[in-house]
């Protein structure tokens, strides 16, 4: 079957995974993203990769790709929400305890 496949976590050599993570971070910063975004890539059979899109408002349910990707990196859904709330409060100059 041809077409794209979603694999979380991706089965990639560690050096490719590191390069993709670095490129995702550069793309996030280059566009001035803040808080959360999902950077999607296409990876070819010969391990070349290209940014497909940067989704600044990714689906945000516990079954969305964003939540699945975070879970694969060890961050649970409740922790994602806690981190985003803390980040938003810090940006607004308030603390979570306030």
Protein backbone atom coordinates (compact mmCIF):
# COMPACT_ATOMS: atom_id res chain seq x y z
CA UNK A 1 0.00 0.00 0.00
CA UNK A 2 1.31 3.45 -0.93
CA UNK A 3 0.81 6.62 1.03
CA UNK A 4 1.70 8.13 4.36
CA UNK A 5 1.89 6.12 7.55
CA UNK A 6 1.59 7.41 11.09
CA UNK A 7 3.96 5.64 13.47
CA UNK A 8 4.26 6.81 17.07
CA UNK A 9 7.02 6.62 18.03
CA UNK A 10 8.63 6.66 14.62
CA UNK A 11 11.03 3.82 13.87
CA UNK A 12 14.07 5.86 12.83
CA UNK A 13 17.82 5.66 13.34
CA UNK A 14 18.79 7.80 16.34
CA UNK A 15 20.80 10.27 14.24
CA UNK A 16 17.79 10.90 11.96
CA UNK A 17 15.49 11.28 14.96
CA UNK A 18 17.87 13.83 16.51
CA UNK A 19 18.12 15.76 13.24
CA UNK A 20 14.32 15.83 12.89
CA UNK A 21 13.90 17.02 16.49
CA UNK A 22 16.44 19.80 15.87
CA UNK A 23 14.70 20.83 12.64
CA UNK A 24 11.30 20.82 14.38
CA UNK A 25 12.66 23.12 17.09
CA UNK A 26 14.19 25.45 14.47
CA UNK A 27 10.93 25.58 12.52
CA UNK A 28 8.96 26.26 15.74
CA UNK A 29 11.25 29.17 16.64
CA UNK A 30 11.49 30.52 13.07
CA UNK A 31 7.72 30.96 12.93
CA UNK A 32 7.56 32.48 16.41
CA UNK A 33 5.43 29.65 17.77
CA UNK A 34 4.68 29.64 21.48
CA UNK A 35 3.21 27.09 23.84
CA UNK A 36 2.45 24.16 21.58
CA UNK A 37 2.60 23.22 17.93
CA UNK A 38 3.01 20.00 16.01
CA UNK A 39 5.65 19.85 13.29
CA UNK A 40 4.92 17.10 10.77
CA UNK A 41 7.54 15.55 8.50
CA UNK A 42 7.68 13.29 5.49
CA UNK A 43 10.51 10.74 5.62
CA UNK A 44 11.57 8.93 2.45
CA UNK A 45 12.78 5.34 2.20
CA UNK A 46 16.36 6.63 1.98
CA UNK A 47 15.91 8.60 5.26
CA UNK A 48 15.66 12.07 3.74
CA UNK A 49 13.09 14.23 5.46
CA UNK A 50 11.21 17.43 4.85
CA UNK A 51 8.83 19.51 6.94
CA UNK A 52 5.30 18.85 5.72
CA UNK A 53 3.48 21.37 7.92
CA UNK A 54 3.54 23.17 11.23
CA UNK A 55 0.21 22.95 12.96
CA UNK A 56 -0.03 25.76 15.52
CA UNK A 57 -3.39 24.57 16.78
CA UNK A 58 -3.11 20.78 16.69
CA UNK A 59 -5.98 18.53 17.68
CA UNK A 60 -6.02 18.44 21.45
CA UNK A 61 -8.00 15.48 22.66
CA UNK A 62 -6.52 12.56 24.52
CA UNK A 63 -6.64 10.53 21.27
CA UNK A 64 -5.13 13.18 18.96
CA UNK A 65 -1.72 12.85 17.31
CA UNK A 66 -0.35 15.60 19.57
CA UNK A 67 -1.31 13.75 22.74
CA UNK A 68 -0.06 10.43 21.33
CA UNK A 69 3.29 11.95 20.37
CA UNK A 70 3.70 13.52 23.81
CA UNK A 71 2.74 10.23 25.50
CA UNK A 72 5.36 8.43 23.41
CA UNK A 73 7.95 10.84 24.81
CA UNK A 74 6.79 10.18 28.38
CA UNK A 75 4.45 13.14 28.93
CA UNK A 76 0.87 12.24 29.85
CA UNK A 77 -2.24 14.17 28.84
CA UNK A 78 -2.81 15.75 32.28
CA UNK A 79 0.83 16.86 32.40
CA UNK A 80 0.52 18.48 28.96
CA UNK A 81 -2.43 20.51 30.23
CA UNK A 82 -0.57 21.45 33.43
CA UNK A 83 2.46 22.59 31.42
CA UNK A 84 0.36 24.66 29.01
CA UNK A 85 -1.59 26.32 31.83
CA UNK A 86 1.65 27.13 33.69
CA UNK A 87 3.17 28.51 30.48
CA UNK A 88 0.13 30.68 29.78
CA UNK A 89 0.07 32.02 33.33
CA UNK A 90 3.79 32.77 33.20
CA UNK A 91 3.29 34.66 29.93
CA UNK A 92 0.52 36.67 31.59
CA UNK A 93 2.79 37.45 34.55
CA UNK A 94 0.84 35.32 37.00
CA UNK A 95 1.69 32.09 38.76
CA UNK A 96 -0.42 28.95 38.89
CA UNK A 97 -0.87 29.42 42.64
CA UNK A 98 -2.38 32.92 42.22
